[in-house]
Protein backbone atom coordinates (compact mmCIF):
# COMPACT_ATOMS: atom_id res chain seq x y z
CA MET A 1 42.73 57.05 60.31
CA ARG A 2 41.47 60.57 59.59
CA ARG A 3 44.35 62.07 61.61
CA VAL A 4 46.81 60.07 59.51
CA VAL A 5 45.19 61.33 56.30
CA VAL A 6 45.26 64.96 57.51
CA CYS A 7 48.96 64.71 58.43
CA MET A 8 49.93 63.02 55.20
CA THR A 9 47.89 65.51 53.15
CA ALA A 10 49.73 68.37 54.86
CA SER A 11 53.03 66.67 54.01
CA LEU A 12 51.90 66.35 50.41
CA LEU A 13 51.18 70.08 50.19
CA VAL A 14 54.63 70.87 51.59
CA LEU A 15 56.25 68.58 49.03
CA LEU A 16 54.28 70.18 46.20
CA GLY A 17 55.35 73.63 47.35
CA ALA A 18 58.98 72.57 47.46
CA ALA A 19 58.66 71.06 44.01
CA GLY A 20 57.25 74.28 42.63
CA GLU A 21 60.18 76.28 44.03
CA ALA A 22 62.65 73.80 42.56
CA ALA A 23 60.96 74.01 39.17
CA ALA A 24 61.47 77.77 39.01
CA GLY A 25 65.26 77.42 38.96
CA HIS A 26 65.68 74.21 36.93
CA ARG A 27 66.12 73.87 33.18
CA GLY A 28 64.67 70.99 31.24
CA PRO A 29 63.14 67.72 32.39
CA ASP A 30 64.77 64.88 34.22
CA PRO A 31 63.10 61.82 32.62
CA GLY A 32 63.93 59.08 35.12
CA ASP A 33 62.96 55.42 34.74
CA MET A 34 61.28 55.09 38.15
CA ALA A 35 58.72 57.05 40.14
CA PHE A 36 57.55 57.14 43.74
CA GLN A 37 53.85 58.03 44.15
CA PHE A 38 51.92 59.07 47.25
CA ARG A 39 48.11 59.07 47.09
CA VAL A 40 45.23 60.09 49.38
CA GLY A 41 41.54 59.77 48.61
CA GLY A 42 38.32 57.95 49.30
CA PHE A 43 37.21 54.32 49.04
CA PHE A 44 33.57 53.59 48.16
CA LEU A 45 32.53 50.05 49.11
CA ASP A 46 30.32 48.14 46.67
CA GLY A 47 28.59 46.04 49.30
CA GLU A 48 27.00 43.75 46.69
CA SER A 49 26.88 40.47 48.58
CA GLU A 50 24.66 38.33 50.80
CA PHE A 51 26.48 39.36 53.97
CA TRP A 52 25.92 43.09 53.45
CA THR A 53 22.28 42.54 52.46
CA ASP A 54 21.58 40.54 55.64
CA SER A 55 23.44 43.09 57.79
CA GLU A 56 21.39 45.95 56.37
CA GLU A 57 18.18 44.08 57.16
CA THR A 58 19.25 43.27 60.75
CA PHE A 59 21.09 46.47 61.72
CA THR A 60 20.65 50.18 61.01
CA LEU A 61 23.61 50.36 58.67
CA ASP A 62 24.22 50.53 54.95
CA SER A 63 27.30 49.33 53.12
CA SER A 64 27.80 52.93 51.95
CA ASP A 65 28.43 53.87 55.61
CA PHE A 66 31.85 52.26 55.13
CA ASP A 67 32.86 54.81 52.48
CA ASP A 68 35.96 56.35 54.04
CA ALA A 69 39.49 57.64 53.49
CA ILE A 70 42.25 55.57 51.88
CA ILE A 71 45.97 56.23 51.49
CA GLY A 72 48.41 54.58 49.12
CA LEU A 73 52.01 54.37 47.96
CA SER A 74 53.34 53.13 44.63
CA ILE A 75 56.68 52.43 42.99
CA VAL A 76 56.37 52.70 39.20
CA GLY A 77 58.95 51.50 36.68
CA SER A 78 59.02 52.39 32.98
CA PHE A 79 59.43 50.03 30.01
CA GLY A 80 59.87 52.63 27.31
CA ASN A 81 57.67 55.64 26.71
CA HIS A 82 54.28 53.88 26.62
CA LEU A 83 54.35 51.07 29.20
CA GLU A 84 54.93 51.09 32.96
CA ALA A 85 54.52 48.68 35.89
CA GLY A 86 53.28 49.71 39.31
CA PHE A 87 53.79 48.08 42.72
CA ASN A 88 51.16 49.38 45.15
CA ALA A 89 50.38 49.35 48.88
CA ASP A 90 47.19 50.90 50.26
CA PHE A 91 45.54 51.19 53.67
CA TYR A 92 41.89 51.64 54.61
CA ASP A 93 40.16 51.60 58.04
CA ALA A 94 36.50 52.42 58.72
CA THR A 95 34.23 52.00 61.76
CA VAL A 96 30.42 52.25 61.69
CA VAL A 97 28.09 52.41 64.71
CA SER A 98 24.70 50.75 64.22
CA ALA A 99 21.72 49.46 66.21
CA VAL A 100 19.62 46.31 66.07
CA ARG A 101 16.48 47.08 64.07
CA GLY A 102 13.18 46.83 65.99
CA PHE A 103 14.73 46.38 69.45
CA THR A 104 15.60 48.64 72.39
CA ASP A 105 16.89 47.91 75.87
CA GLU A 106 14.76 48.09 79.01
CA ASP A 107 15.29 51.86 79.18
CA GLY A 108 14.25 52.39 75.57
CA PHE A 109 17.75 53.01 74.24
CA PRO A 110 19.02 51.45 70.98
CA ILE A 111 21.19 48.34 71.18
CA LEU A 112 24.47 49.48 69.64
CA HIS A 113 27.64 47.87 68.37
CA ASP A 114 30.66 48.92 66.28
CA SER A 115 31.44 47.34 62.91
CA ARG A 116 35.04 47.83 61.77
CA LEU A 117 36.53 46.98 58.38
CA ARG A 118 40.27 47.22 57.74
CA MET A 119 42.01 46.43 54.45
CA ALA A 120 45.60 46.59 53.22
CA PRO A 121 45.82 45.74 49.49
CA LEU A 122 49.22 44.82 48.03
CA THR A 123 48.95 44.82 44.23
CA VAL A 124 50.85 45.04 40.96
CA ASP A 125 49.62 46.43 37.65
CA LEU A 126 50.60 47.34 34.10
CA ARG A 127 49.86 50.85 32.81
CA PHE A 128 49.56 51.87 29.16
CA LEU A 129 50.30 55.50 28.23
CA PRO A 130 48.65 56.11 24.81
CA ALA A 131 50.43 59.41 24.14
CA GLY A 132 53.61 58.53 26.03
CA ARG A 133 55.24 60.29 28.94
CA TYR A 134 57.64 62.38 26.81
CA ARG A 135 57.64 63.91 23.38
CA VAL A 136 60.79 64.44 21.34
CA ARG A 137 61.83 67.91 20.20
CA ASN A 138 64.71 69.07 18.02
CA GLN A 139 67.99 67.17 18.40
CA GLY A 140 66.21 64.34 20.25
CA ARG A 141 65.54 66.32 23.44
CA LEU A 142 62.88 64.72 25.65
CA VAL A 143 60.16 67.06 26.91
CA ARG A 144 57.74 66.10 29.67
CA GLN A 145 54.02 66.43 28.98
CA PRO A 146 50.69 65.72 30.67
CA VAL A 147 50.20 61.96 30.87
CA PHE A 148 47.04 59.88 30.62
CA TYR A 149 47.25 56.19 31.48
CA VAL A 150 44.99 53.16 31.79
CA GLY A 151 45.79 49.72 33.13
CA GLY A 152 44.91 46.74 35.23
CA GLY A 153 46.41 44.36 37.71
CA ALA A 154 45.94 41.96 40.61
CA GLY A 155 47.15 41.23 44.10
CA LEU A 156 46.15 40.32 47.64
CA VAL A 157 43.93 42.21 50.08
CA PHE A 158 44.76 41.60 53.74
CA TRP A 159 41.55 42.35 55.62
CA GLU A 160 39.82 42.11 58.98
CA TYR A 161 36.14 42.57 59.82
CA GLU A 162 34.97 42.97 63.42
CA GLU A 163 31.69 43.56 65.23
CA ILE A 164 31.87 44.43 68.93
CA GLY A 165 29.16 45.64 71.29
CA ASP A 166 25.61 44.66 72.29
CA PHE A 167 23.50 42.21 70.31
CA VAL A 168 20.15 40.44 70.60
CA ASP A 169 19.64 36.71 70.93
CA PHE A 170 16.55 36.39 68.73
CA SER A 171 15.64 33.03 70.25
CA ASP A 172 14.62 34.67 73.54
CA ASP A 173 15.12 38.43 72.85
CA THR A 174 17.86 38.76 75.47
CA ILE A 175 20.67 41.30 75.09
CA PHE A 176 24.32 40.25 75.36
CA PHE A 177 27.76 41.74 74.79
CA ASP A 178 30.16 40.00 72.40
CA ARG A 179 32.88 40.36 69.78
CA PHE A 180 32.83 38.65 66.37
CA THR A 181 35.77 38.69 63.94
CA ASP A 182 37.06 37.24 60.71
CA ASP A 183 40.13 38.02 58.61
CA GLY A 184 42.04 36.76 55.64
CA ALA A 185 44.09 37.45 52.53
CA SER A 186 41.88 37.55 49.42
CA PHE A 187 42.70 37.65 45.73
CA GLU A 188 41.98 40.99 44.05
CA VAL A 189 41.80 42.26 40.47
CA HIS A 190 41.49 45.91 39.51
CA GLY A 191 41.37 48.39 36.68
CA LEU A 192 42.72 51.92 36.85
CA ALA A 193 42.96 55.18 34.95
CA GLY A 194 44.81 58.35 35.81
CA VAL A 195 46.29 61.67 34.77
CA GLU A 196 49.66 63.15 35.72
CA LEU A 197 50.33 66.87 35.29
CA PRO A 198 53.98 68.09 35.38
CA ILE A 199 54.57 70.69 38.11
CA GLY A 200 58.37 70.59 38.40
CA PRO A 201 61.54 69.07 36.94
CA ALA A 202 60.72 65.64 38.39
CA TRP A 203 57.35 66.15 40.10
CA ASN A 204 53.86 65.43 38.76
CA LEU A 205 50.44 66.12 40.25
CA LEU A 206 48.46 62.88 40.17
CA PHE A 207 44.73 62.12 39.80
CA GLU A 208 43.74 58.46 39.71
CA GLY A 209 40.69 56.22 39.90
CA ARG A 210 40.66 52.48 40.59
CA TYR A 211 37.96 49.84 40.65
CA SER A 212 38.64 46.58 42.49
CA TRP A 213 36.84 43.26 42.65
CA VAL A 214 37.25 41.25 45.87
CA ASP A 215 34.90 38.54 47.18
CA GLU A 216 35.56 36.20 50.08
CA THR A 217 33.54 33.50 51.86
CA LEU A 218 33.30 34.34 55.55
CA GLY A 219 34.45 31.93 58.27
CA ARG A 220 35.30 31.92 61.96
CA ASP A 221 32.60 33.86 63.88
CA PHE A 222 30.64 34.61 60.67
CA SER A 223 30.68 31.10 59.25
CA GLY A 224 27.54 30.34 57.24
CA LEU A 225 26.76 33.98 56.46
CA GLY A 226 27.90 33.75 52.83
CA GLU A 227 30.31 35.96 50.92
CA ILE A 228 31.49 39.43 51.84
CA ASP A 229 32.12 41.89 49.00
CA LEU A 230 35.26 43.94 49.73
CA GLY A 231 35.58 45.58 46.33
CA GLY A 232 34.72 49.07 45.25
CA MET A 233 35.86 52.36 43.75
CA SER A 234 38.85 54.39 44.93
CA ALA A 235 39.50 58.00 43.89
CA TYR A 236 42.89 59.57 44.63
CA VAL A 237 44.87 62.77 44.39
CA GLY A 238 48.60 62.68 44.97
CA ALA A 239 52.14 63.45 43.88
CA SER A 240 54.61 61.51 41.73
CA LEU A 241 58.38 61.96 42.02
CA ARG A 242 60.45 60.57 39.12
CA PHE A 243 64.04 59.53 39.75
């Protein structure tokens, strides 16, 4: 995941450089009714649920250990100067190594396993631009300006949670190797706010924050362990190309 983020961040910097060169030789804005956005950033898991509380008591992990990189793409369409709709796809993948609290193996080493959480949200949202994306100058000429927007939306989060490694059977304190998984597609709602700064004829530099709410009752290998909270805060930086 981190290699993907590094590569895509490098690509973003190249695109921004190319946009800056194009801006130097271009006159006036190209408004465009659509935009393609690429975002990289961090996801900060809430972890406010029974499952995470029990896991933190049993294993040497904290829900904050799952704070990790996230990447996203959006297609945004305009409905006038003050309202836009976004169609978003994001990807997140984090793995945490933890040990069973209060137990070691016969050699005194911790009993370790990997916990992996993967999520791919597909969402839509509406965005309100209080000051608009363009201002009108003499003779009706549209001029691009810094943009602030707020909004909200909903969608589905396709997710998978896995634990694989060594565990303890607390009935007789024996150690065993196993793999436990669950997955699903869960309903999500979110709010967002962002700023776009023009850096070229059709390019904007993007800063955005999102907060999502996602709760799901676990099943399969984790049946009976309550709900898992998959929501949290995302903070992004990226680029927006209007066309």
